[in-house]
Amino acid sequence: MRADTRDFGFRAGSRSPLFRGCATWRRRGRAGRIRVPAAVLLPVALTMLFSPPTTAQDRLPEGNFVVITGTILDAVTNRPIEGVIVELPSRGFRLETNIAGRFTLSNIPTGNYRLELSHPDYHPAVGDFTIMRSGEFETYMEPVLAGSPDELMTGIVGQVSDSRGGTPIDRVSVSVQPGSQGGQTDTRGRFTVETATPGPKTVRFSALGYATRTETIEVELDRVTNVRVSLSPDPVELNPIEVSVERREFTLQDAGYYNRREEGFGEFIDRTDIENRALSEMSDVFSRIPGVEIYADPDNPLEKYVVLRGGRQASFSAGPYGRCFPRVVLDGLVINRGGDEPAGLDRMLDPAAVAGVEVFPTSAGVPAQYGGVGSSCGLILIWTRR
């Protein structure tokens, strides 16, 4: 939970919303249902909900007991949030929302209160309000994103192929609803569609000479859903599409990391791998790759260099170390030419700053744009986080 608790400071009679959000609220009662535009937030909703009745018959004297029922929803997905801690400190009330996001305050006296909402995955919410009668309300909490939205993609990627022979189909139109996102497959049948929000999406695949196919695909926040789709030239029943979910970063997407990984050459390490291993030094990133040697400098054992399979199998002794070191490219720029020149990666980089690493242990499979002098002993591509 972030420490920047959002204190609305809103009291009865005020009309100034002090907190920005994207929710609507609903009031149920004798007057029917009222819907307020998305810009109106929790303190506004509660104050209007519990404002004094308009008739003398409905008015309750101070000290009467009422029942309040609330529902807490996710401001992004509009789904109920289970496990929200709801507190009224002045009364010692502390309860938790159920699987439907609901809670009930029973036998609570009318009067002025401060309501506090908290959940590990959402921004805390605090608001002052006045309770004058029984009622129900809905309000929203904003999720705390695990990473910057500029770093992680939300969307769908995949490949479309012919159902008969498995041949990739190019120029397939891929459209996603709701929204206006879409795209086309390339010559390998691949496509990428970024979406603004998570949730269930209706995806339509259409191509000249093939039966159109429509599927519902669930998209998760800060995750990329991978799909494998087949189209039939005849209107016959097709097998279900294959779906998997991964975390995909804009940095690596733009660099072509994921496309090279699918081609099957080299070894690939992303941020999830680095985080799961809790690595402290950059050289540790390469320790589990088959054929890789972590070579300690004879004059300074604390200085470690990475030697790939191509360098270990070299038919010559290169320089004073007797090793052939790989070429190293950082964010598209050569920082170590390789050959007899080792790269002190532990001094250059912190694993926490790395989005992904590509390792080509030999010259085989080295991307042409990153080859050159020194790449005969292998190549290391490193991409840092934005």
Protein backbone atom coordinates (compact mmCIF):
# COMPACT_ATOMS: atom_id res chain seq x y z
CA MET A 1 0.00 0.00 0.00
CA ARG A 2 1.33 3.45 -0.83
CA ALA A 3 1.80 5.90 1.99
CA ASP A 4 0.23 8.81 0.15
CA THR A 5 -3.21 8.43 1.73
CA ARG A 6 -5.79 10.51 -0.11
CA ASP A 7 -7.53 12.65 2.53
CA PHE A 8 -10.57 14.26 1.01
CA GLY A 9 -11.26 16.67 3.87
CA PHE A 10 -14.90 16.92 2.72
CA ARG A 11 -17.65 17.94 5.13
CA ALA A 12 -21.41 18.27 4.86
CA GLY A 13 -22.59 21.24 2.84
CA SER A 14 -19.40 21.54 0.73
CA ARG A 15 -19.64 21.20 -3.03
CA SER A 16 -15.91 21.11 -3.85
CA PRO A 17 -14.69 17.62 -4.91
CA LEU A 18 -11.12 17.45 -3.62
CA PHE A 19 -10.27 14.05 -5.11
CA ARG A 20 -10.12 13.13 -8.76
CA GLY A 21 -11.52 9.78 -9.93
CA CYS A 22 -13.36 7.88 -12.61
CA ALA A 23 -16.36 6.48 -10.81
CA THR A 24 -20.09 6.85 -10.74
CA TRP A 25 -22.20 6.42 -7.61
CA ARG A 26 -25.75 5.32 -7.07
CA ARG A 27 -28.24 6.15 -4.37
CA ARG A 28 -31.20 3.96 -3.60
CA GLY A 29 -34.17 5.13 -1.52
CA ARG A 30 -37.59 6.68 -1.67
CA ALA A 31 -36.60 9.06 -4.42
CA GLY A 32 -35.46 6.22 -6.72
CA ARG A 33 -32.04 5.83 -8.39
CA ILE A 34 -29.78 8.78 -9.12
CA ARG A 35 -26.65 8.57 -11.32
CA VAL A 36 -23.91 11.19 -11.01
CA PRO A 37 -21.20 11.69 -13.69
CA ALA A 38 -17.80 10.01 -13.30
CA ALA A 39 -16.02 13.10 -11.98
CA VAL A 40 -17.95 12.92 -8.65
CA LEU A 41 -16.12 10.98 -5.94
CA LEU A 42 -16.47 9.21 -2.62
CA PRO A 43 -16.89 12.24 -0.31
CA VAL A 44 -19.44 13.82 -2.63
CA ALA A 45 -21.35 10.56 -2.97
CA LEU A 46 -21.47 9.91 0.76
CA THR A 47 -22.48 13.42 1.70
CA MET A 48 -25.32 13.50 -0.82
CA LEU A 49 -26.40 9.98 0.13
CA PHE A 50 -26.63 10.76 3.81
CA SER A 51 -27.88 14.31 3.56
CA PRO A 52 -31.00 15.19 5.60
CA PRO A 53 -34.38 14.03 4.25
CA THR A 54 -36.51 16.61 2.53
CA THR A 55 -39.71 16.04 4.52
CA ALA A 56 -40.46 16.33 8.21
CA GLN A 57 -41.89 12.82 8.20
CA ASP A 58 -38.55 11.34 7.06
CA ARG A 59 -36.37 13.41 9.41
CA LEU A 60 -34.55 11.47 12.17
CA PRO A 61 -33.43 13.13 15.42
CA GLU A 62 -29.77 12.97 16.44
CA GLY A 63 -28.95 9.64 18.12
CA ASN A 64 -31.28 7.39 16.13
CA PHE A 65 -29.77 4.17 14.79
CA VAL A 66 -29.65 3.32 11.08
CA VAL A 67 -28.20 0.69 8.74
CA ILE A 68 -25.74 1.60 5.96
CA THR A 69 -24.74 -0.83 3.19
CA GLY A 70 -21.84 -0.08 0.84
CA THR A 71 -20.21 -1.71 -2.18
CA ILE A 72 -16.56 -1.05 -3.12
CA LEU A 73 -15.60 -1.43 -6.80
CA ASP A 74 -12.34 -1.32 -8.78
CA ALA A 75 -12.12 2.03 -10.62
CA VAL A 76 -10.43 0.37 -13.62
CA THR A 77 -12.30 -2.92 -14.07
CA ASN A 78 -15.58 -1.99 -12.30
CA ARG A 79 -15.40 -5.30 -10.41
CA PRO A 80 -16.15 -5.75 -6.68
CA ILE A 81 -13.12 -5.65 -4.38
CA GLU A 82 -12.99 -8.32 -1.70
CA GLY A 83 -11.02 -7.72 1.49
CA VAL A 84 -11.25 -3.91 1.72
CA ILE A 85 -10.83 -2.81 5.35
CA VAL A 86 -13.64 -0.38 6.25
CA GLU A 87 -13.13 1.66 9.42
CA LEU A 88 -15.01 4.32 11.39
CA PRO A 89 -12.33 5.19 13.98
CA SER A 90 -14.60 7.34 16.13
CA ARG A 91 -16.98 4.40 16.69
CA GLY A 92 -14.41 1.61 16.71
CA PHE A 93 -16.07 0.00 13.67
CA ARG A 94 -13.71 -2.18 11.62
CA LEU A 95 -14.96 -4.72 9.08
CA GLU A 96 -14.04 -6.22 5.72
CA THR A 97 -15.86 -6.38 2.38
CA ASN A 98 -17.04 -9.78 1.20
CA ILE A 99 -16.54 -11.45 -2.19
CA ALA A 100 -19.20 -9.14 -3.65
CA GLY A 101 -17.34 -6.07 -2.37
CA ARG A 102 -20.13 -5.32 0.14
CA PHE A 103 -20.15 -4.34 3.81
CA THR A 104 -22.91 -3.33 6.25
CA LEU A 105 -22.77 -0.92 9.16
CA SER A 106 -25.61 -1.99 11.47
CA ASN A 107 -27.08 0.00 14.33
CA ILE A 108 -24.93 3.06 13.71
CA PRO A 109 -26.12 6.34 15.25
CA THR A 110 -26.87 9.25 12.97
CA GLY A 111 -24.21 11.96 13.02
CA ASN A 112 -20.84 12.99 11.57
CA TYR A 113 -18.18 10.37 10.79
CA ARG A 114 -14.88 9.75 9.04
CA LEU A 115 -14.80 6.68 6.79
CA GLU A 116 -11.44 5.05 5.97
CA LEU A 117 -10.98 2.45 3.20
CA SER A 118 -7.77 0.46 2.75
CA HIS A 119 -6.55 -2.52 0.71
CA PRO A 120 -2.96 -3.65 -0.11
CA ASP A 121 -3.58 -3.34 -3.87
CA TYR A 122 -5.42 0.01 -3.87
CA HIS A 123 -4.87 3.63 -2.90
CA PRO A 124 -6.28 4.34 0.60
CA ALA A 125 -9.39 6.52 0.72
CA VAL A 126 -10.48 8.78 3.59
CA GLY A 127 -13.60 10.95 3.71
CA ASP A 128 -15.78 12.90 6.18
CA PHE A 129 -19.56 12.58 5.84
CA THR A 130 -22.84 12.95 7.68
CA ILE A 131 -25.28 10.05 8.20
CA MET A 132 -28.92 11.02 8.60
CA ARG A 133 -30.85 7.94 7.43
CA SER A 134 -30.47 4.33 6.26
CA GLY A 135 -29.31 3.74 2.71
CA GLU A 136 -26.96 2.08 0.22
CA PHE A 137 -24.09 3.40 -1.86
CA GLU A 138 -21.35 2.32 -4.27
CA THR A 139 -17.88 3.85 -4.43
CA TYR A 140 -14.58 3.08 -6.11
CA MET A 141 -10.90 2.61 -5.24
CA GLU A 142 -8.01 3.17 -7.62
CA PRO A 143 -5.55 0.24 -7.99
CA VAL A 144 -1.89 0.65 -7.19
CA LEU A 145 0.01 -0.47 -10.30
CA ALA A 146 2.96 -2.83 -9.78
CA GLY A 147 5.06 -0.83 -12.25
CA SER A 148 4.91 2.33 -14.24
CA PRO A 149 2.24 2.18 -16.98
CA ASP A 150 4.96 3.45 -19.33
CA GLU A 151 6.94 0.25 -18.78
CA LEU A 152 4.46 -2.62 -19.05
CA MET A 153 2.10 -3.40 -21.90
CA THR A 154 -1.54 -4.33 -21.60
CA GLY A 155 -2.80 -6.07 -24.71
CA ILE A 156 -2.95 -9.10 -26.98
CA VAL A 157 -0.25 -10.62 -29.20
CA GLY A 158 -0.30 -13.79 -31.22
CA GLN A 159 -0.13 -15.63 -34.50
CA VAL A 160 -2.79 -16.61 -37.04
CA SER A 161 -2.34 -19.72 -39.18
CA ASP A 162 -4.21 -21.86 -41.72
CA SER A 163 -6.18 -24.63 -40.01
CA ARG A 164 -5.22 -27.20 -42.67
CA GLY A 165 -1.46 -26.96 -42.88
CA GLY A 166 -0.47 -24.55 -40.12
CA THR A 167 0.91 -22.00 -42.58
CA PRO A 168 1.01 -18.43 -41.16
CA ILE A 169 -1.55 -16.09 -42.74
CA ASP A 170 -0.53 -12.51 -43.44
CA ARG A 171 -2.79 -9.46 -43.74
CA VAL A 172 -5.41 -10.88 -41.38
CA SER A 173 -7.47 -8.02 -39.92
CA VAL A 174 -7.56 -8.15 -36.11
CA SER A 175 -10.09 -5.85 -34.41
CA VAL A 176 -10.79 -5.55 -30.66
CA GLN A 177 -14.02 -4.41 -29.04
CA PRO A 178 -14.92 -2.48 -26.96
CA GLY A 179 -12.65 0.25 -28.27
CA SER A 180 -11.09 1.04 -31.61
CA GLN A 181 -7.87 -0.95 -31.32
CA GLY A 182 -6.80 -3.27 -34.09
CA GLY A 183 -4.11 -4.23 -36.57
CA GLN A 184 -2.99 -6.70 -39.21
CA THR A 185 -0.79 -9.77 -39.16
CA ASP A 186 2.66 -9.59 -40.77
CA THR A 187 4.22 -12.11 -43.19
CA ARG A 188 4.74 -14.52 -40.28
CA GLY A 189 1.13 -14.27 -39.20
CA ARG A 190 2.02 -12.28 -36.09
CA PHE A 191 0.08 -9.35 -34.65
CA THR A 192 0.23 -7.00 -31.66
CA VAL A 193 -2.70 -5.00 -30.27
CA GLU A 194 -2.31 -2.67 -27.28
CA THR A 195 -5.45 -1.97 -25.26
CA ALA A 196 -6.16 0.96 -22.96
CA THR A 197 -7.96 -1.07 -20.29
CA PRO A 198 -8.05 -4.68 -19.09
CA GLY A 199 -11.09 -6.93 -19.05
CA PRO A 200 -12.91 -9.21 -21.51
CA LYS A 201 -12.37 -8.23 -25.15
CA THR A 202 -14.21 -9.42 -28.25
CA VAL A 203 -11.57 -10.07 -30.92
CA ARG A 204 -12.49 -10.53 -34.57
CA PHE A 205 -10.13 -12.21 -37.08
CA SER A 206 -10.98 -11.81 -40.77
CA ALA A 207 -9.07 -12.41 -44.01
CA LEU A 208 -9.95 -12.72 -47.67
CA GLY A 209 -10.70 -16.35 -48.51
CA TYR A 210 -11.17 -17.43 -44.88
CA ALA A 211 -14.15 -17.75 -42.56
CA THR A 212 -14.27 -14.89 -40.06
CA ARG A 213 -13.63 -15.92 -36.47
CA THR A 214 -14.71 -14.08 -33.30
CA GLU A 215 -13.47 -14.96 -29.80
CA THR A 216 -13.74 -13.45 -26.31
CA ILE A 217 -10.32 -13.03 -24.69
CA GLU A 218 -9.65 -11.89 -21.13
CA VAL A 219 -6.95 -9.20 -20.90
CA GLU A 220 -5.13 -8.54 -17.62
CA LEU A 221 -3.64 -5.23 -16.48
CA ASP A 222 0.12 -4.92 -17.25
CA ARG A 223 0.06 -8.33 -18.94
CA VAL A 224 0.12 -9.43 -22.55
CA THR A 225 -2.19 -12.28 -23.54
CA ASN A 226 -0.65 -14.60 -26.13
CA VAL A 227 -3.04 -16.35 -28.53
CA ARG A 228 -2.65 -18.90 -31.31
CA VAL A 229 -5.53 -18.75 -33.78
CA SER A 230 -6.34 -20.89 -36.81
CA LEU A 231 -8.65 -19.83 -39.65
CA SER A 232 -10.45 -22.15 -42.01
CA PRO A 233 -11.11 -21.50 -45.71
CA ASP A 234 -14.37 -23.41 -45.17
CA PRO A 235 -17.10 -22.72 -42.59
CA VAL A 236 -16.24 -25.70 -40.36
CA GLU A 237 -15.92 -26.00 -36.58
CA LEU A 238 -12.43 -25.10 -35.37
CA ASN A 239 -10.43 -26.11 -32.32
CA PRO A 240 -10.39 -23.61 -29.40
CA ILE A 241 -7.69 -20.97 -29.57
CA GLU A 242 -4.62 -21.36 -27.33
CA VAL A 243 -4.19 -18.60 -24.75
CA SER A 244 -1.34 -17.80 -22.37
CA VAL A 245 -0.50 -14.67 -20.37
CA GLU A 246 2.86 -13.01 -19.81
CA ARG A 247 4.30 -9.71 -18.66
CA ARG A 248 5.63 -7.78 -21.64
CA GLU A 249 7.51 -4.47 -21.52
CA PHE A 250 7.42 -1.67 -24.08
CA THR A 251 11.23 -1.41 -23.95
CA LEU A 252 11.69 -5.02 -25.02
CA GLN A 253 8.79 -4.93 -27.49
CA ASP A 254 10.29 -1.94 -29.31
CA ALA A 255 13.76 -3.54 -29.33
CA GLY A 256 12.48 -6.71 -31.06
CA TYR A 257 13.31 -8.85 -28.02
CA TYR A 258 10.12 -10.92 -28.12
CA ASN A 259 10.35 -11.60 -31.87
CA ARG A 260 13.93 -12.87 -31.53
CA ARG A 261 12.91 -15.02 -28.58
CA GLU A 262 10.21 -16.71 -30.67
CA GLU A 263 12.76 -17.45 -33.40
CA GLY A 264 14.53 -19.75 -30.94
CA PHE A 265 18.16 -18.59 -31.18
CA GLY A 266 20.06 -17.67 -28.04
CA GLU A 267 19.06 -17.40 -24.39
CA PHE A 268 16.61 -14.79 -23.09
CA ILE A 269 16.26 -13.40 -19.57
CA ASP A 270 13.52 -10.91 -18.70
CA ARG A 271 12.81 -8.82 -15.63
CA THR A 272 10.61 -11.52 -14.07
CA ASP A 273 13.54 -13.97 -14.15
CA ILE A 274 15.84 -11.39 -12.55
CA GLU A 275 13.33 -10.47 -9.84
CA ASN A 276 12.55 -14.11 -9.00
CA ARG A 277 16.25 -14.88 -8.45
CA ALA A 278 16.91 -11.73 -6.39
CA LEU A 279 20.27 -11.15 -8.11
CA SER A 280 22.76 -8.69 -6.63
CA GLU A 281 25.43 -8.58 -9.35
CA MET A 282 25.11 -8.41 -13.11
CA SER A 283 27.40 -11.38 -13.70
CA ASP A 284 24.97 -13.57 -11.71
CA VAL A 285 22.38 -13.07 -14.48
CA PHE A 286 24.43 -15.38 -16.74
CA SER A 287 25.33 -18.06 -14.18
CA ARG A 288 22.61 -20.54 -15.17
CA ILE A 289 23.14 -20.42 -18.93
CA PRO A 290 24.68 -23.69 -20.23
CA GLY A 291 28.29 -23.35 -21.37
CA VAL A 292 28.83 -19.93 -19.75
CA GLU A 293 31.95 -19.36 -17.64
CA ILE A 294 32.14 -16.67 -14.95
CA TYR A 295 35.85 -15.88 -15.12
CA ALA A 296 37.57 -14.18 -12.17
CA ASP A 297 40.37 -11.76 -12.95
CA PRO A 298 43.65 -13.34 -11.72
CA ASP A 299 44.85 -9.97 -10.41
CA ASN A 300 41.54 -9.06 -8.76
CA PRO A 301 39.28 -12.03 -7.85
CA LEU A 302 36.42 -9.63 -7.08
CA GLU A 303 36.34 -8.61 -10.76
CA LYS A 304 34.32 -11.18 -12.73
CA TYR A 305 33.93 -11.44 -16.48
CA VAL A 306 31.42 -13.38 -18.58
CA VAL A 307 32.82 -15.85 -21.15
CA LEU A 308 30.33 -17.53 -23.50
CA ARG A 309 30.56 -20.89 -25.23
CA GLY A 310 32.03 -19.33 -28.38
CA GLY A 311 34.84 -17.79 -26.33
CA ARG A 312 35.63 -20.99 -24.44
CA GLN A 313 35.83 -22.98 -27.66
CA ALA A 314 37.97 -20.42 -29.48
CA SER A 315 41.05 -21.98 -31.09
CA PHE A 316 43.37 -19.19 -29.90
CA SER A 317 44.37 -17.56 -26.67
CA ALA A 318 43.20 -13.97 -26.75
CA GLY A 319 45.20 -11.37 -24.86
CA PRO A 320 46.54 -11.61 -21.33
CA TYR A 321 43.49 -13.48 -20.01
CA GLY A 322 43.61 -16.41 -22.42
CA ARG A 323 39.92 -15.95 -23.13
CA CYS A 324 37.81 -14.61 -25.98
CA PHE A 325 35.18 -12.31 -24.53
CA PRO A 326 31.74 -11.58 -26.06
CA ARG A 327 30.68 -8.36 -27.69
CA VAL A 328 28.32 -6.37 -25.39
CA VAL A 329 25.61 -3.99 -26.62
CA LEU A 330 23.65 -1.81 -24.17
CA ASP A 331 20.38 -0.29 -25.42
CA GLY A 332 21.60 -0.56 -29.01
CA LEU A 333 25.08 0.93 -28.37
CA VAL A 334 28.30 -1.11 -28.30
CA ILE A 335 29.91 -0.75 -24.86
CA ASN A 336 32.44 -3.58 -25.25
CA ARG A 337 33.83 -4.78 -28.57
CA GLY A 338 34.73 -8.25 -27.27
CA GLY A 339 37.65 -10.43 -28.33
CA ASP A 340 40.57 -9.83 -25.94
CA GLU A 341 38.70 -7.01 -24.16
CA PRO A 342 36.60 -8.12 -21.13
CA ALA A 343 33.53 -6.21 -19.96
CA GLY A 344 33.25 -5.35 -16.26
CA LEU A 345 29.47 -5.69 -16.16
CA ASP A 346 29.31 -5.74 -12.35
CA ARG A 347 30.79 -2.24 -12.30
CA MET A 348 28.60 -0.96 -15.12
CA LEU A 349 25.11 -2.18 -14.26
CA ASP A 350 22.77 -3.04 -11.42
CA PRO A 351 20.42 -5.97 -12.24
CA ALA A 352 17.51 -3.94 -10.85
CA ALA A 353 17.91 -1.49 -13.76
CA VAL A 354 17.70 -4.20 -16.43
CA ALA A 355 14.52 -4.99 -18.38
CA GLY A 356 15.92 -7.91 -20.36
CA VAL A 357 19.05 -9.68 -21.58
CA GLU A 358 19.70 -11.61 -24.79
CA VAL A 359 22.65 -14.01 -24.95
CA PHE A 360 23.97 -15.55 -28.16
CA PRO A 361 26.68 -18.00 -26.95
CA THR A 362 28.19 -18.41 -30.45
CA SER A 363 28.10 -16.47 -33.70
CA ALA A 364 25.13 -18.59 -34.83
CA GLY A 365 21.89 -16.64 -34.62
CA VAL A 366 23.56 -13.28 -33.86
CA PRO A 367 21.23 -10.52 -35.20
CA ALA A 368 22.94 -8.92 -38.18
CA GLN A 369 22.49 -5.36 -36.89
CA TYR A 370 24.44 -6.17 -33.70
CA GLY A 371 27.20 -8.33 -35.19
CA GLY A 372 30.70 -7.23 -36.10
CA VAL A 373 34.19 -7.43 -34.66
CA GLY A 374 34.20 -9.51 -31.48
CA SER A 375 30.82 -11.17 -32.02
CA SER A 376 32.53 -14.38 -33.19
CA CYS A 377 32.97 -15.18 -29.48
CA GLY A 378 29.32 -14.50 -28.72
CA LEU A 379 27.07 -11.52 -28.19
CA ILE A 380 25.26 -10.06 -25.17
CA LEU A 381 22.39 -7.59 -25.66
CA ILE A 382 21.23 -5.72 -22.55
CA TRP A 383 18.10 -3.55 -22.40
CA THR A 384 17.52 -1.25 -19.44
CA ARG A 385 14.22 -0.18 -17.91
CA ARG A 386 12.69 3.13 -18.91
